[in-house]
Amino acid sequence: MRKRFQWREGNKIDLMVDGEAFFPVMLEEMRKARHSLLLEFYLVASGHITTRFLEEMIAAVERGVMVRMIIDGFGALKFTQADRKKLQQAGVQIVVYNPLHATKLTRNFARDHRKLLIVDQQVAFIGGTGLTDVYWLAEAKGSPWHELMARVEGPAATDLISIYNALWKRCTHQDLPPAPYAVTPAGDAAIRVTTVQGMYQQEIKASFLHRVNRSQERVWMMTAYFLPSFSVRSALRRAARRGVDVRLIIAGPYTDQPWVFHASKRYYRSLLKAGVKIYEYQPRFLHAKAAVVDNWSSLGSCNLDHWNLRWNLEANVEVQDATFVNQVGQVLRDDMHHCHQVTYDEWMLRPWHRKLREYVWAWLAKLALKIR
């Protein structure tokens, strides 16, 4: 398996669960910035939490910090022109990745789904959040969204800077100026950055398969949108059949994409029959993307679904550190207590109208994924 980035030792990584935990830490780190702030977020919508970020970005520019922001042409549709103008007038440079246009046809599907904040090219935040109140103050039933973020400090941050810089250069034909100081070791965690670049490069998927195929004790995975490829489904079934504890935590009835919730059911029967345990998260929308395989963990923006892997830019961090892996495992274990576990017997007795709805959505999803 060809690796774009190698494992880097000497990192410190902290896990943060939900917006009330990670947003204050991200904002506090932004206040400390003295050289640069690099932001890259798929989902950006004007509102309370985004205003807080805007205030810190503008304050950073005023004290001489370079501030750059990459937003997605579709994911940032609710980021108002007034807020964009406010940032640009203050001196923040904003790049819009792949703006929507009718003449682009299916190229409009290509999206930047990554979620990154890099402070002074030393400390990085990565995970699944966006800059929107659905992670913070949402009043809808089942909200705010359940999410994970990680704070990374150490040599692995340089690879996250590298993927940010590559996209910035691709969009602007300019390199970012380097930090005036080198990244130094900060802890004991081994971390590797993995990416997806649409159909051209799918290292996150390849690495996950590599781990699952060699798993011995457990494969635990949580994802917001469960439309996995045949190779992922096959690997999970094989692992369960050889006695590995395979558990999937999937978004339940609260979701921003109900059709995915129904279409994903087409995969349940074969997985349950092989011994895979399936849990549907009940309290709110499960938007987090994380996996634990034995003593290895992966966390980031990628759902490992067909759509992510076909069209998106994604970024994850893989971690080999007992403390962090155990923390992620404990989050998954705790979340299982808030899930409905789907059993094989229950699944086979579901009513005909549910089967029909699942069949229709699965057929439409399959049709959509054939679009070139």
Protein backbone atom coordinates (compact mmCIF):
# COMPACT_ATOMS: atom_id res chain seq x y z
CA MET A 1 0.00 0.00 0.00
CA ARG A 2 1.55 3.27 -1.15
CA LYS A 3 1.65 5.81 1.67
CA ARG A 4 1.54 9.54 0.99
CA PHE A 5 2.63 10.39 4.54
CA GLN A 6 4.70 8.32 6.93
CA TRP A 7 4.18 7.69 10.62
CA ARG A 8 5.54 10.48 12.77
CA GLU A 9 6.58 10.04 16.39
CA GLY A 10 6.60 12.63 19.15
CA ASN A 11 3.05 13.99 18.98
CA LYS A 12 0.52 15.05 21.56
CA ILE A 13 -3.13 14.37 20.70
CA ASP A 14 -6.24 15.23 22.71
CA LEU A 15 -9.75 13.96 22.02
CA MET A 16 -12.71 16.32 22.42
CA VAL A 17 -16.35 15.25 22.33
CA ASP A 18 -19.08 17.63 21.10
CA GLY A 19 -19.11 21.35 20.43
CA GLU A 20 -19.23 22.49 24.04
CA ALA A 21 -15.85 20.79 24.50
CA PHE A 22 -13.98 21.56 21.27
CA PHE A 23 -15.22 25.01 20.21
CA PRO A 24 -13.90 26.82 23.34
CA VAL A 25 -10.50 25.12 22.95
CA MET A 26 -10.30 26.03 19.26
CA LEU A 27 -11.22 29.65 19.97
CA GLU A 28 -8.71 29.90 22.82
CA GLU A 29 -5.93 28.54 20.58
CA MET A 30 -6.85 31.12 17.93
CA ARG A 31 -6.39 33.87 20.53
CA LYS A 32 -2.82 32.67 21.06
CA ALA A 33 -1.89 32.84 17.37
CA ARG A 34 1.14 35.01 16.57
CA HIS A 35 2.05 33.92 13.05
CA SER A 36 -0.82 32.28 11.15
CA LEU A 37 -4.34 30.87 11.24
CA LEU A 38 -5.29 28.41 8.51
CA LEU A 39 -8.93 27.32 8.36
CA GLU A 40 -10.54 24.77 6.04
CA PHE A 41 -14.17 23.75 6.65
CA TYR A 42 -16.80 22.14 4.47
CA LEU A 43 -19.94 23.22 6.34
CA VAL A 44 -19.96 26.92 7.21
CA ALA A 45 -23.14 28.80 8.09
CA SER A 46 -23.49 32.27 9.57
CA GLY A 47 -24.69 32.20 13.16
CA HIS A 48 -23.58 32.44 16.78
CA ILE A 49 -20.54 30.13 16.71
CA THR A 50 -19.36 31.34 13.30
CA THR A 51 -19.52 34.93 14.56
CA ARG A 52 -17.19 33.92 17.43
CA PHE A 53 -14.72 32.52 14.92
CA LEU A 54 -14.98 35.62 12.74
CA GLU A 55 -14.21 37.83 15.73
CA GLU A 56 -11.07 35.84 16.54
CA MET A 57 -9.94 35.86 12.90
CA ILE A 58 -10.35 39.63 12.64
CA ALA A 59 -8.60 40.17 15.97
CA ALA A 60 -5.72 37.99 14.75
CA VAL A 61 -5.30 40.05 11.58
CA GLU A 62 -5.25 43.23 13.68
CA ARG A 63 -2.27 41.92 15.67
CA GLY A 64 -0.39 41.01 12.49
CA VAL A 65 -1.33 37.33 12.07
CA MET A 66 -1.74 35.88 8.57
CA VAL A 67 -5.27 34.45 8.29
CA ARG A 68 -6.35 32.22 5.39
CA MET A 69 -9.66 30.39 4.97
CA ILE A 70 -10.78 27.71 2.50
CA ILE A 71 -14.51 27.08 2.28
CA ASP A 72 -16.49 24.77 0.02
CA GLY A 73 -18.70 26.16 -2.74
CA PHE A 74 -21.67 24.03 -1.65
CA GLY A 75 -21.07 23.52 2.07
CA ALA A 76 -20.77 27.29 2.64
CA LEU A 77 -23.97 28.33 0.86
CA LYS A 78 -25.38 29.59 4.19
CA PHE A 79 -22.26 31.63 4.95
CA THR A 80 -23.60 35.10 4.16
CA GLN A 81 -21.96 37.54 1.80
CA ALA A 82 -22.01 40.11 4.60
CA ASP A 83 -19.85 37.87 6.81
CA ARG A 84 -17.50 37.07 3.93
CA LYS A 85 -17.12 40.76 3.12
CA LYS A 86 -16.45 41.54 6.78
CA LEU A 87 -13.55 39.08 6.82
CA GLN A 88 -12.11 40.23 3.50
CA GLN A 89 -12.24 43.90 4.49
CA ALA A 90 -10.35 43.02 7.66
CA GLY A 91 -7.60 41.32 5.62
CA VAL A 92 -8.60 37.65 5.74
CA GLN A 93 -7.99 35.86 2.43
CA ILE A 94 -10.85 33.50 1.52
CA VAL A 95 -10.77 30.82 -1.16
CA VAL A 96 -13.98 29.11 -2.31
CA TYR A 97 -13.33 25.55 -3.49
CA ASN A 98 -15.24 24.57 -6.64
CA PRO A 99 -18.02 27.20 -6.72
CA LEU A 100 -21.28 25.81 -8.07
CA HIS A 101 -22.05 26.50 -11.74
CA ALA A 102 -24.56 24.94 -14.14
CA THR A 103 -21.92 24.41 -16.84
CA LYS A 104 -19.85 22.16 -14.57
CA LEU A 105 -22.51 19.43 -14.58
CA THR A 106 -21.28 16.50 -12.46
CA ARG A 107 -18.11 18.36 -11.51
CA ASN A 108 -20.36 20.20 -9.05
CA PHE A 109 -20.34 17.00 -6.99
CA ALA A 110 -16.61 17.35 -6.20
CA ARG A 111 -16.42 18.86 -2.70
CA ASP A 112 -13.84 19.77 -0.08
CA HIS A 113 -15.17 17.85 2.94
CA ARG A 114 -12.13 18.38 5.19
CA LYS A 115 -12.27 20.12 8.57
CA LEU A 116 -9.00 21.71 9.67
CA LEU A 117 -7.80 24.54 11.87
CA ILE A 118 -4.03 25.05 12.04
CA VAL A 119 -2.59 27.62 14.46
CA ASP A 120 0.92 29.05 13.92
CA GLN A 121 1.68 25.93 11.84
CA GLN A 122 2.27 24.18 15.18
CA VAL A 123 -1.11 23.05 16.53
CA ALA A 124 -3.85 21.49 14.39
CA PHE A 125 -7.47 20.56 14.95
CA ILE A 126 -9.02 17.81 12.83
CA GLY A 127 -12.30 15.93 12.94
CA GLY A 128 -15.82 16.24 11.63
CA THR A 129 -17.16 19.62 12.76
CA GLY A 130 -18.27 22.55 10.70
CA LEU A 131 -18.64 26.20 11.66
CA THR A 132 -22.36 26.16 12.26
CA ASP A 133 -24.75 26.24 15.19
CA VAL A 134 -26.00 22.68 14.57
CA TYR A 135 -22.94 21.62 16.60
CA TRP A 136 -23.52 24.27 19.23
CA LEU A 137 -26.97 25.81 19.82
CA ALA A 138 -29.35 24.00 17.48
CA GLU A 139 -32.93 23.86 18.75
CA ALA A 140 -34.22 21.15 16.42
CA LYS A 141 -35.20 17.82 17.96
CA GLY A 142 -32.21 15.53 18.21
CA SER A 143 -29.65 18.38 18.16
CA PRO A 144 -26.96 19.59 18.59
CA TRP A 145 -25.02 17.12 16.45
CA HIS A 146 -22.78 14.57 18.16
CA GLU A 147 -19.21 15.13 16.94
CA LEU A 148 -15.54 14.41 17.65
CA MET A 149 -12.48 16.60 17.14
CA ALA A 150 -8.81 16.07 17.96
CA ARG A 151 -6.12 18.59 18.85
CA VAL A 152 -2.73 17.58 17.38
CA GLU A 153 0.58 19.10 18.38
CA GLY A 154 3.93 17.91 17.09
CA PRO A 155 5.54 16.69 13.85
CA ALA A 156 2.26 15.29 12.43
CA ALA A 157 0.99 18.87 12.16
CA THR A 158 3.46 19.47 9.32
CA ASP A 159 1.63 16.94 7.13
CA LEU A 160 -1.71 18.62 7.80
CA ILE A 161 -0.05 21.91 6.81
CA SER A 162 1.16 20.18 3.64
CA ILE A 163 -2.32 19.11 2.52
CA TYR A 164 -3.69 22.57 3.32
CA ASN A 165 -0.89 24.26 1.40
CA ALA A 166 -1.37 21.95 -1.60
CA LEU A 167 -5.03 22.94 -1.93
CA TRP A 168 -4.25 26.62 -1.34
CA LYS A 169 -1.67 26.51 -4.13
CA ARG A 170 -4.06 24.61 -6.41
CA CYS A 171 -6.70 27.33 -5.94
CA THR A 172 -4.47 30.43 -5.90
CA HIS A 173 -1.19 29.31 -7.54
CA GLN A 174 0.60 30.65 -4.47
CA ASP A 175 2.50 28.94 -1.67
CA LEU A 176 1.87 29.87 1.92
CA PRO A 177 4.89 31.43 3.67
CA PRO A 178 6.52 28.97 6.08
CA ALA A 179 6.40 29.43 9.83
CA PRO A 180 9.43 31.19 11.33
CA TYR A 181 10.10 28.22 13.64
CA ALA A 182 10.28 24.45 13.32
CA VAL A 183 7.71 22.02 14.66
CA THR A 184 9.14 20.22 17.70
CA PRO A 185 8.13 16.98 19.48
CA ALA A 186 5.32 17.47 21.99
CA GLY A 187 4.41 14.00 23.26
CA ASP A 188 4.63 10.25 22.73
CA ALA A 189 1.87 9.50 20.20
CA ALA A 190 2.62 8.09 16.76
CA ILE A 191 0.37 9.71 14.14
CA ARG A 192 -0.03 9.37 10.40
CA VAL A 193 -2.13 11.66 8.21
CA THR A 194 -4.27 9.90 5.59
CA THR A 195 -6.35 11.43 2.81
CA VAL A 196 -8.93 10.83 0.11
CA GLN A 197 -8.90 12.75 -3.15
CA GLY A 198 -11.98 11.40 -4.90
CA MET A 199 -11.47 8.35 -7.11
CA TYR A 200 -7.81 9.22 -7.63
CA GLN A 201 -6.49 8.53 -4.15
CA GLN A 202 -8.28 6.63 -1.38
CA GLU A 203 -5.66 6.04 1.27
CA ILE A 204 -8.12 6.29 4.18
CA LYS A 205 -10.14 3.38 2.80
CA ALA A 206 -7.06 1.32 1.89
CA SER A 207 -5.55 1.80 5.33
CA PHE A 208 -8.82 0.88 7.09
CA LEU A 209 -9.10 -2.30 5.01
CA HIS A 210 -5.48 -3.18 5.78
CA ARG A 211 -6.20 -2.94 9.51
CA VAL A 212 -9.53 -4.77 9.40
CA ASN A 213 -8.09 -7.64 7.36
CA ARG A 214 -5.40 -8.10 10.03
CA SER A 215 -7.58 -7.43 13.07
CA GLN A 216 -7.47 -9.90 15.95
CA GLU A 217 -9.66 -8.53 18.75
CA ARG A 218 -11.99 -5.69 17.75
CA VAL A 219 -13.19 -3.51 14.91
CA TRP A 220 -15.40 -0.70 16.20
CA MET A 221 -16.54 2.00 13.83
CA MET A 222 -18.93 4.96 13.99
CA THR A 223 -20.17 6.82 10.94
CA ALA A 224 -22.90 9.28 10.02
CA TYR A 225 -23.67 7.85 6.57
CA PHE A 226 -23.47 4.09 6.18
CA LEU A 227 -23.11 3.39 2.47
CA PRO A 228 -19.88 1.33 2.51
CA SER A 229 -18.15 -0.15 -0.51
CA PHE A 230 -18.26 -3.88 -1.24
CA SER A 231 -14.65 -4.26 -0.11
CA VAL A 232 -15.38 -2.64 3.27
CA ARG A 233 -18.50 -4.76 3.80
CA SER A 234 -16.63 -7.92 2.87
CA ALA A 235 -13.75 -7.12 5.22
CA LEU A 236 -16.14 -6.51 8.11
CA ARG A 237 -17.97 -9.79 7.47
CA ARG A 238 -14.75 -11.78 7.25
CA ALA A 239 -13.46 -10.27 10.48
CA ALA A 240 -16.69 -11.12 12.33
CA ARG A 241 -16.66 -14.69 11.02
CA ARG A 242 -13.17 -15.30 12.34
CA GLY A 243 -14.24 -14.18 15.82
CA VAL A 244 -13.29 -10.49 15.86
CA ASP A 245 -15.67 -8.24 17.82
CA VAL A 246 -17.09 -6.10 14.98
CA ARG A 247 -19.44 -3.27 15.98
CA LEU A 248 -20.93 -0.49 13.87
CA ILE A 249 -22.46 2.64 15.40
CA ILE A 250 -24.61 4.31 12.77
CA ALA A 251 -26.73 7.46 12.76
CA GLY A 252 -30.26 6.63 13.84
CA PRO A 253 -33.58 8.41 13.24
CA TYR A 254 -32.10 11.92 13.64
CA THR A 255 -30.17 12.70 10.49
CA ASP A 256 -29.80 15.45 7.91
CA GLN A 257 -30.03 12.84 5.13
CA PRO A 258 -33.02 10.53 5.80
CA TRP A 259 -32.59 8.81 2.46
CA VAL A 260 -29.15 7.54 3.53
CA PHE A 261 -30.65 6.18 6.76
CA HIS A 262 -33.12 4.11 4.72
CA ALA A 263 -30.78 3.20 1.86
CA SER A 264 -28.14 1.89 4.28
CA LYS A 265 -30.50 -0.85 5.43
CA ARG A 266 -29.80 -2.85 2.29
CA TYR A 267 -26.50 -3.92 3.91
CA TYR A 268 -27.83 -4.99 7.30
CA ARG A 269 -28.88 -8.57 6.56
CA SER A 270 -25.54 -9.91 5.34
CA LEU A 271 -23.60 -8.09 8.05
CA LEU A 272 -25.87 -9.26 10.87
CA LYS A 273 -25.82 -12.81 9.54
CA ALA A 274 -22.00 -12.76 9.63
CA GLY A 275 -22.03 -11.68 13.29
CA VAL A 276 -21.50 -7.93 12.93
CA LYS A 277 -23.24 -5.98 15.70
CA ILE A 278 -25.15 -2.90 14.48
CA TYR A 279 -26.14 -0.02 16.77
CA GLU A 280 -28.35 2.91 15.72
CA TYR A 281 -27.68 6.06 17.75
CA GLN A 282 -30.89 7.48 19.23
CA PRO A 283 -30.50 10.80 21.16
CA ARG A 284 -29.46 13.08 18.29
CA PHE A 285 -27.65 13.14 14.97
CA LEU A 286 -24.46 11.11 15.11
CA HIS A 287 -22.12 12.99 12.75
CA ALA A 288 -18.79 11.68 14.11
CA LYS A 289 -16.43 9.52 12.06
CA ALA A 290 -14.04 7.31 14.01
CA ALA A 291 -12.75 3.75 14.13
CA VAL A 292 -10.80 1.58 16.54
CA VAL A 293 -9.10 -1.59 15.30
CA ASP A 294 -7.15 -3.38 18.04
CA ASN A 295 -4.51 -0.81 19.17
CA TRP A 296 -5.06 1.59 16.23
CA SER A 297 -7.54 4.41 15.75
CA SER A 298 -8.59 6.67 12.88
CA LEU A 299 -10.53 9.92 13.20
CA GLY A 300 -11.37 12.73 10.82
CA SER A 301 -13.79 13.82 8.11
CA CYS A 302 -14.27 10.63 6.08
CA ASN A 303 -17.42 8.51 6.45
CA LEU A 304 -16.02 5.73 4.23
CA ASP A 305 -19.24 5.87 2.20
CA HIS A 306 -19.54 5.65 -1.59
CA TRP A 307 -20.14 9.39 -2.00
CA ASN A 308 -17.17 10.51 0.12
CA LEU A 309 -14.85 8.15 -1.68
CA ARG A 310 -16.03 9.08 -5.17
CA TRP A 311 -16.20 12.87 -4.98
CA ASN A 312 -14.62 14.39 -1.88
CA LEU A 313 -11.39 15.68 -0.44
CA GLU A 314 -11.05 14.10 3.02
CA ALA A 315 -8.46 14.04 5.82
CA ASN A 316 -8.04 11.71 8.81
CA VAL A 317 -5.37 11.07 11.40
CA GLU A 318 -4.39 7.54 12.34
CA VAL A 319 -3.10 7.13 15.87
CA GLN A 320 -1.09 4.48 17.69
CA ASP A 321 -1.15 5.61 21.29
CA ALA A 322 -2.71 3.48 24.02
CA THR A 323 -4.24 6.39 25.91
CA PHE A 324 -5.88 7.97 22.86
CA VAL A 325 -7.08 4.67 21.38
CA ASN A 326 -8.63 3.75 24.73
CA GLN A 327 -10.32 7.15 24.91
CA VAL A 328 -11.89 6.72 21.48
CA GLY A 329 -12.90 3.19 22.38
CA GLN A 330 -14.56 4.44 25.57
CA VAL A 331 -16.51 7.09 23.64
CA LEU A 332 -17.78 4.39 21.29
CA ARG A 333 -18.62 2.11 24.22
CA ASP A 334 -20.51 4.91 25.97
CA ASP A 335 -22.41 5.77 22.79
CA MET A 336 -23.55 2.16 22.43
CA HIS A 337 -25.56 2.64 25.63
CA HIS A 338 -27.55 5.31 23.77
CA CYS A 339 -28.25 3.12 20.76
CA HIS A 340 -30.84 0.65 19.63
CA GLN A 341 -29.05 -2.59 18.79
CA VAL A 342 -30.47 -4.21 15.68
CA THR A 343 -30.59 -8.02 15.90
CA TYR A 344 -30.84 -10.47 13.03
CA ASP A 345 -34.14 -11.92 14.22
CA GLU A 346 -35.68 -8.48 14.66
CA TRP A 347 -34.43 -7.43 11.26
CA MET A 348 -36.00 -10.38 9.48
CA LEU A 349 -39.41 -9.60 11.05
CA ARG A 350 -39.64 -5.95 9.98
CA PRO A 351 -42.88 -5.05 8.10
CA TRP A 352 -43.21 -5.05 4.33
CA HIS A 353 -43.62 -1.26 4.04
CA ARG A 354 -40.21 -0.74 5.66
CA LYS A 355 -38.67 -3.22 3.24
CA LEU A 356 -40.27 -1.39 0.30
CA ARG A 357 -39.03 2.01 1.48
CA GLU A 358 -35.52 0.64 1.99
CA TYR A 359 -35.54 -0.99 -1.46
CA VAL A 360 -36.64 2.22 -3.20
CA TRP A 361 -34.03 4.41 -1.48
CA ALA A 362 -31.30 1.82 -2.00
CA TRP A 363 -32.14 1.66 -5.72
CA LEU A 364 -32.09 5.45 -6.04
CA ALA A 365 -28.79 5.65 -4.14
CA LYS A 366 -27.27 3.04 -6.43
CA LEU A 367 -28.50 4.97 -9.47
CA ALA A 368 -27.04 8.23 -8.16
CA LEU A 369 -23.66 6.64 -7.56
CA LYS A 370 -23.45 5.60 -11.20
CA ILE A 371 -23.36 9.25 -12.28
CA ARG A 372 -20.06 10.11 -13.90
